Amino acid sequence: MRLVFGPEELTVNLPDHDSPWAPDVARRWLDEQFIANDCEPLRALGKVLVADKLAAIARAVGWRGFHDDENFRQDYARAAAGALARPMVKVDAEAGLVTF
């Protein structure tokens, strides 16, 4: 997983023995973090997509938060991979983009 914060970037590699979470567990963790970090929906439609949650959480936590908290960084990577069912995910926090 790659997290991009403008010129700063972090790469998160899950250990081989550590797999992504099941999709329901991953989505529940993302929901909890979205609320805990006071994230705002990007669209006024009411439904928040998984990609939107990943970008919003990344913006709220910021480069320093991910850099300083390895457990959170690993949990975020497991949740992203599990919720999106993708082994490689790139989150650009400033642009609000999630690509595979």
N, C-alpha and C. Protein backbone atom coordinates (compact mmCIF):
# COMPACT_ATOMS: atom_id res chain seq x y z
N MET A 1 0.84 -1.16 0.00
CA MET A 1 0.00 0.00 0.00
C MET A 1 0.89 1.22 0.00
N ARG A 2 0.47 2.23 -0.74
CA ARG A 2 1.18 3.50 -0.76
C ARG A 2 0.23 4.60 -0.29
N LEU A 3 0.73 5.43 0.60
CA LEU A 3 -0.01 6.60 1.09
C LEU A 3 0.76 7.84 0.65
N VAL A 4 0.08 8.72 -0.08
CA VAL A 4 0.73 9.91 -0.60
C VAL A 4 0.11 11.15 0.05
N PHE A 5 0.99 12.00 0.57
CA PHE A 5 0.58 13.26 1.20
C PHE A 5 1.39 14.37 0.54
N GLY A 6 0.99 14.78 -0.66
CA GLY A 6 1.76 15.78 -1.38
C GLY A 6 3.14 15.22 -1.68
N PRO A 7 4.19 15.91 -1.26
CA PRO A 7 5.55 15.42 -1.55
C PRO A 7 5.97 14.25 -0.64
N GLU A 8 5.25 14.03 0.43
CA GLU A 8 5.58 12.95 1.37
C GLU A 8 4.84 11.68 0.97
N GLU A 9 5.50 10.55 1.15
CA GLU A 9 4.88 9.28 0.81
C GLU A 9 5.33 8.20 1.79
N LEU A 10 4.41 7.32 2.12
CA LEU A 10 4.71 6.17 2.97
C LEU A 10 4.32 4.90 2.22
N THR A 11 5.12 3.89 2.35
CA THR A 11 4.79 2.58 1.81
C THR A 11 4.55 1.65 3.00
N VAL A 12 3.43 0.94 2.96
CA VAL A 12 3.09 0.02 4.03
C VAL A 12 3.09 -1.39 3.44
N ASN A 13 3.98 -2.21 3.94
CA ASN A 13 4.05 -3.61 3.50
C ASN A 13 3.58 -4.50 4.63
N LEU A 14 2.54 -5.26 4.35
CA LEU A 14 2.07 -6.21 5.36
C LEU A 14 3.00 -7.43 5.35
N PRO A 15 3.36 -7.91 6.53
CA PRO A 15 4.18 -9.13 6.59
C PRO A 15 3.47 -10.28 5.89
N ASP A 16 4.22 -11.23 5.37
CA ASP A 16 3.64 -12.36 4.64
C ASP A 16 2.61 -13.12 5.48
N HIS A 17 2.85 -13.21 6.78
CA HIS A 17 1.94 -13.97 7.64
C HIS A 17 0.70 -13.16 8.03
N ASP A 18 0.65 -11.91 7.65
CA ASP A 18 -0.44 -11.01 8.05
C ASP A 18 -1.30 -10.67 6.84
N SER A 19 -2.47 -11.26 6.76
CA SER A 19 -3.31 -11.06 5.59
C SER A 19 -4.32 -9.94 5.81
N PRO A 20 -4.93 -9.45 4.71
CA PRO A 20 -5.97 -8.42 4.85
C PRO A 20 -7.13 -8.97 5.68
N TRP A 21 -7.89 -8.06 6.24
CA TRP A 21 -9.06 -8.46 7.01
C TRP A 21 -10.18 -8.89 6.08
N ALA A 22 -11.13 -9.64 6.64
CA ALA A 22 -12.33 -9.99 5.90
C ALA A 22 -13.06 -8.69 5.54
N PRO A 23 -13.77 -8.65 4.41
CA PRO A 23 -14.42 -7.41 3.98
C PRO A 23 -15.33 -6.77 5.03
N ASP A 24 -16.13 -7.56 5.74
CA ASP A 24 -17.03 -6.97 6.73
C ASP A 24 -16.26 -6.38 7.92
N VAL A 25 -15.20 -7.04 8.34
CA VAL A 25 -14.36 -6.52 9.42
C VAL A 25 -13.67 -5.24 8.97
N ALA A 26 -13.15 -5.24 7.75
CA ALA A 26 -12.46 -4.06 7.21
C ALA A 26 -13.40 -2.87 7.11
N ARG A 27 -14.60 -3.08 6.58
CA ARG A 27 -15.57 -1.97 6.45
C ARG A 27 -15.99 -1.43 7.82
N ARG A 28 -16.16 -2.32 8.78
CA ARG A 28 -16.54 -1.89 10.14
C ARG A 28 -15.42 -1.03 10.75
N TRP A 29 -14.16 -1.44 10.59
CA TRP A 29 -13.04 -0.66 11.11
C TRP A 29 -12.98 0.70 10.43
N LEU A 30 -13.16 0.74 9.12
CA LEU A 30 -13.16 2.01 8.40
C LEU A 30 -14.29 2.92 8.86
N ASP A 31 -15.48 2.35 9.08
CA ASP A 31 -16.60 3.14 9.60
C ASP A 31 -16.25 3.75 10.96
N GLU A 32 -15.67 2.94 11.84
CA GLU A 32 -15.29 3.42 13.17
C GLU A 32 -14.25 4.53 13.08
N GLN A 33 -13.26 4.37 12.22
CA GLN A 33 -12.21 5.38 12.08
C GLN A 33 -12.74 6.66 11.42
N PHE A 34 -13.67 6.51 10.49
CA PHE A 34 -14.28 7.67 9.84
C PHE A 34 -14.96 8.55 10.88
N ILE A 35 -15.67 7.92 11.81
CA ILE A 35 -16.37 8.66 12.88
C ILE A 35 -15.37 9.17 13.91
N ALA A 36 -14.44 8.33 14.33
CA ALA A 36 -13.47 8.71 15.37
C ALA A 36 -12.59 9.89 14.95
N ASN A 37 -12.34 10.02 13.65
CA ASN A 37 -11.49 11.10 13.16
C ASN A 37 -12.28 12.28 12.62
N ASP A 38 -13.59 12.33 12.94
CA ASP A 38 -14.46 13.44 12.54
C ASP A 38 -14.40 13.72 11.05
N CYS A 39 -14.40 12.68 10.25
CA CYS A 39 -14.35 12.85 8.79
C CYS A 39 -15.71 13.29 8.27
N GLU A 40 -15.68 14.04 7.20
CA GLU A 40 -16.89 14.55 6.56
C GLU A 40 -17.09 13.82 5.23
N PRO A 41 -18.34 13.49 4.90
CA PRO A 41 -18.60 12.90 3.58
C PRO A 41 -18.21 13.88 2.47
N LEU A 42 -17.64 13.34 1.41
CA LEU A 42 -17.21 14.18 0.28
C LEU A 42 -18.39 14.60 -0.59
N ARG A 43 -19.43 13.80 -0.61
CA ARG A 43 -20.60 14.07 -1.44
C ARG A 43 -21.82 14.25 -0.58
N ALA A 44 -22.75 15.02 -1.05
CA ALA A 44 -23.97 15.30 -0.29
C ALA A 44 -25.04 14.23 -0.49
N LEU A 45 -24.71 13.14 -1.16
CA LEU A 45 -25.68 12.09 -1.43
C LEU A 45 -26.00 11.23 -0.22
N GLY A 46 -25.18 11.30 0.80
CA GLY A 46 -25.44 10.54 2.02
C GLY A 46 -24.65 9.25 2.12
N LYS A 47 -24.41 8.57 1.01
CA LYS A 47 -23.65 7.33 1.04
C LYS A 47 -22.17 7.65 0.86
N VAL A 48 -21.34 7.04 1.70
CA VAL A 48 -19.90 7.27 1.62
C VAL A 48 -19.25 5.99 1.11
N LEU A 49 -18.58 6.08 -0.02
CA LEU A 49 -17.92 4.93 -0.62
C LEU A 49 -16.66 4.56 0.16
N VAL A 50 -16.25 3.32 0.05
CA VAL A 50 -15.04 2.85 0.75
C VAL A 50 -13.84 3.72 0.36
N ALA A 51 -13.69 4.01 -0.92
CA ALA A 51 -12.57 4.83 -1.38
C ALA A 51 -12.62 6.22 -0.74
N ASP A 52 -13.80 6.78 -0.61
CA ASP A 52 -13.95 8.09 0.03
C ASP A 52 -13.54 8.03 1.50
N LYS A 53 -13.90 6.93 2.16
CA LYS A 53 -13.52 6.77 3.57
C LYS A 53 -12.01 6.67 3.71
N LEU A 54 -11.38 5.89 2.83
CA LEU A 54 -9.92 5.74 2.89
C LEU A 54 -9.24 7.09 2.71
N ALA A 55 -9.69 7.88 1.74
CA ALA A 55 -9.08 9.19 1.49
C ALA A 55 -9.34 10.15 2.65
N ALA A 56 -10.55 10.15 3.17
CA ALA A 56 -10.90 11.06 4.27
C ALA A 56 -10.12 10.73 5.54
N ILE A 57 -9.99 9.44 5.84
CA ILE A 57 -9.23 9.03 7.02
C ILE A 57 -7.77 9.41 6.85
N ALA A 58 -7.22 9.17 5.66
CA ALA A 58 -5.82 9.54 5.41
C ALA A 58 -5.60 11.03 5.60
N ARG A 59 -6.52 11.85 5.10
CA ARG A 59 -6.39 13.31 5.27
C ARG A 59 -6.48 13.68 6.74
N ALA A 60 -7.41 13.08 7.46
CA ALA A 60 -7.62 13.43 8.86
C ALA A 60 -6.42 13.03 9.73
N VAL A 61 -5.89 11.85 9.49
CA VAL A 61 -4.77 11.35 10.30
C VAL A 61 -3.47 12.03 9.89
N GLY A 62 -3.30 12.24 8.59
CA GLY A 62 -2.12 12.95 8.10
C GLY A 62 -0.86 12.11 8.08
N TRP A 63 0.14 12.63 7.37
CA TRP A 63 1.40 11.91 7.23
C TRP A 63 2.01 11.60 8.59
N ARG A 64 2.05 12.56 9.47
CA ARG A 64 2.67 12.39 10.79
C ARG A 64 1.97 11.29 11.57
N GLY A 65 0.63 11.27 11.53
CA GLY A 65 -0.11 10.24 12.26
C GLY A 65 0.21 8.84 11.78
N PHE A 66 0.28 8.66 10.47
CA PHE A 66 0.64 7.35 9.92
C PHE A 66 2.10 7.02 10.21
N HIS A 67 2.96 7.99 10.06
CA HIS A 67 4.39 7.79 10.27
C HIS A 67 4.69 7.37 11.71
N ASP A 68 4.00 8.01 12.66
CA ASP A 68 4.29 7.79 14.08
C ASP A 68 3.59 6.59 14.69
N ASP A 69 2.57 6.04 14.04
CA ASP A 69 1.78 4.97 14.65
C ASP A 69 1.78 3.74 13.74
N GLU A 70 2.74 2.85 13.95
CA GLU A 70 2.87 1.67 13.09
C GLU A 70 1.65 0.76 13.17
N ASN A 71 1.07 0.60 14.35
CA ASN A 71 -0.11 -0.26 14.48
C ASN A 71 -1.27 0.28 13.66
N PHE A 72 -1.51 1.59 13.75
CA PHE A 72 -2.59 2.19 12.97
C PHE A 72 -2.30 2.04 11.48
N ARG A 73 -1.07 2.26 11.08
CA ARG A 73 -0.66 2.16 9.68
C ARG A 73 -0.93 0.75 9.15
N GLN A 74 -0.58 -0.27 9.94
CA GLN A 74 -0.81 -1.65 9.53
C GLN A 74 -2.31 -1.98 9.47
N ASP A 75 -3.06 -1.51 10.47
CA ASP A 75 -4.51 -1.75 10.48
C ASP A 75 -5.17 -1.09 9.27
N TYR A 76 -4.75 0.13 8.95
CA TYR A 76 -5.30 0.84 7.80
C TYR A 76 -5.01 0.06 6.52
N ALA A 77 -3.81 -0.46 6.37
CA ALA A 77 -3.46 -1.23 5.18
C ALA A 77 -4.27 -2.52 5.10
N ARG A 78 -4.44 -3.22 6.22
CA ARG A 78 -5.24 -4.44 6.24
C ARG A 78 -6.70 -4.14 5.89
N ALA A 79 -7.21 -3.03 6.43
CA ALA A 79 -8.60 -2.64 6.16
C ALA A 79 -8.78 -2.25 4.69
N ALA A 80 -7.84 -1.49 4.15
CA ALA A 80 -7.94 -1.07 2.75
C ALA A 80 -7.92 -2.28 1.82
N ALA A 81 -6.96 -3.17 2.03
CA ALA A 81 -6.86 -4.36 1.18
C ALA A 81 -8.09 -5.25 1.32
N GLY A 82 -8.59 -5.39 2.53
CA GLY A 82 -9.76 -6.24 2.76
C GLY A 82 -11.05 -5.65 2.21
N ALA A 83 -11.27 -4.37 2.44
CA ALA A 83 -12.51 -3.73 1.99
C ALA A 83 -12.57 -3.61 0.48
N LEU A 84 -11.42 -3.41 -0.15
CA LEU A 84 -11.40 -3.25 -1.61
C LEU A 84 -11.07 -4.55 -2.35
N ALA A 85 -10.70 -5.59 -1.60
CA ALA A 85 -10.31 -6.87 -2.18
C ALA A 85 -9.21 -6.69 -3.22
N ARG A 86 -8.24 -5.85 -2.87
CA ARG A 86 -7.10 -5.56 -3.75
C ARG A 86 -5.81 -5.66 -2.93
N PRO A 87 -4.80 -6.33 -3.47
CA PRO A 87 -3.55 -6.45 -2.72
C PRO A 87 -2.73 -5.16 -2.70
N MET A 88 -2.85 -4.35 -3.74
CA MET A 88 -2.09 -3.10 -3.82
C MET A 88 -3.06 -1.93 -3.96
N VAL A 89 -2.93 -0.97 -3.06
CA VAL A 89 -3.79 0.20 -3.06
C VAL A 89 -2.92 1.43 -2.89
N LYS A 90 -3.23 2.48 -3.63
CA LYS A 90 -2.55 3.76 -3.47
C LYS A 90 -3.60 4.79 -3.08
N VAL A 91 -3.36 5.47 -1.97
CA VAL A 91 -4.26 6.52 -1.50
C VAL A 91 -3.51 7.84 -1.56
N ASP A 92 -4.04 8.77 -2.35
CA ASP A 92 -3.50 10.12 -2.44
C ASP A 92 -4.41 10.99 -1.58
N ALA A 93 -3.96 11.31 -0.38
CA ALA A 93 -4.79 12.01 0.59
C ALA A 93 -5.18 13.41 0.11
N GLU A 94 -4.24 14.13 -0.47
CA GLU A 94 -4.54 15.51 -0.90
C GLU A 94 -5.50 15.54 -2.07
N ALA A 95 -5.33 14.65 -3.03
CA ALA A 95 -6.19 14.63 -4.21
C ALA A 95 -7.50 13.89 -3.95
N GLY A 96 -7.55 13.12 -2.84
CA GLY A 96 -8.74 12.34 -2.54
C GLY A 96 -8.94 11.19 -3.49
N LEU A 97 -7.85 10.63 -4.02
CA LEU A 97 -7.93 9.55 -5.00
C LEU A 97 -7.43 8.24 -4.42
N VAL A 98 -8.12 7.17 -4.81
CA VAL A 98 -7.70 5.83 -4.45
C VAL A 98 -7.58 5.05 -5.75
N THR A 99 -6.41 4.48 -5.99
CA THR A 99 -6.20 3.68 -7.20
C THR A 99 -5.63 2.33 -6.82
N PHE A 100 -5.73 1.40 -7.76
CA PHE A 100 -5.30 0.01 -7.50
C PHE A 100 -4.13 -0.34 -8.38
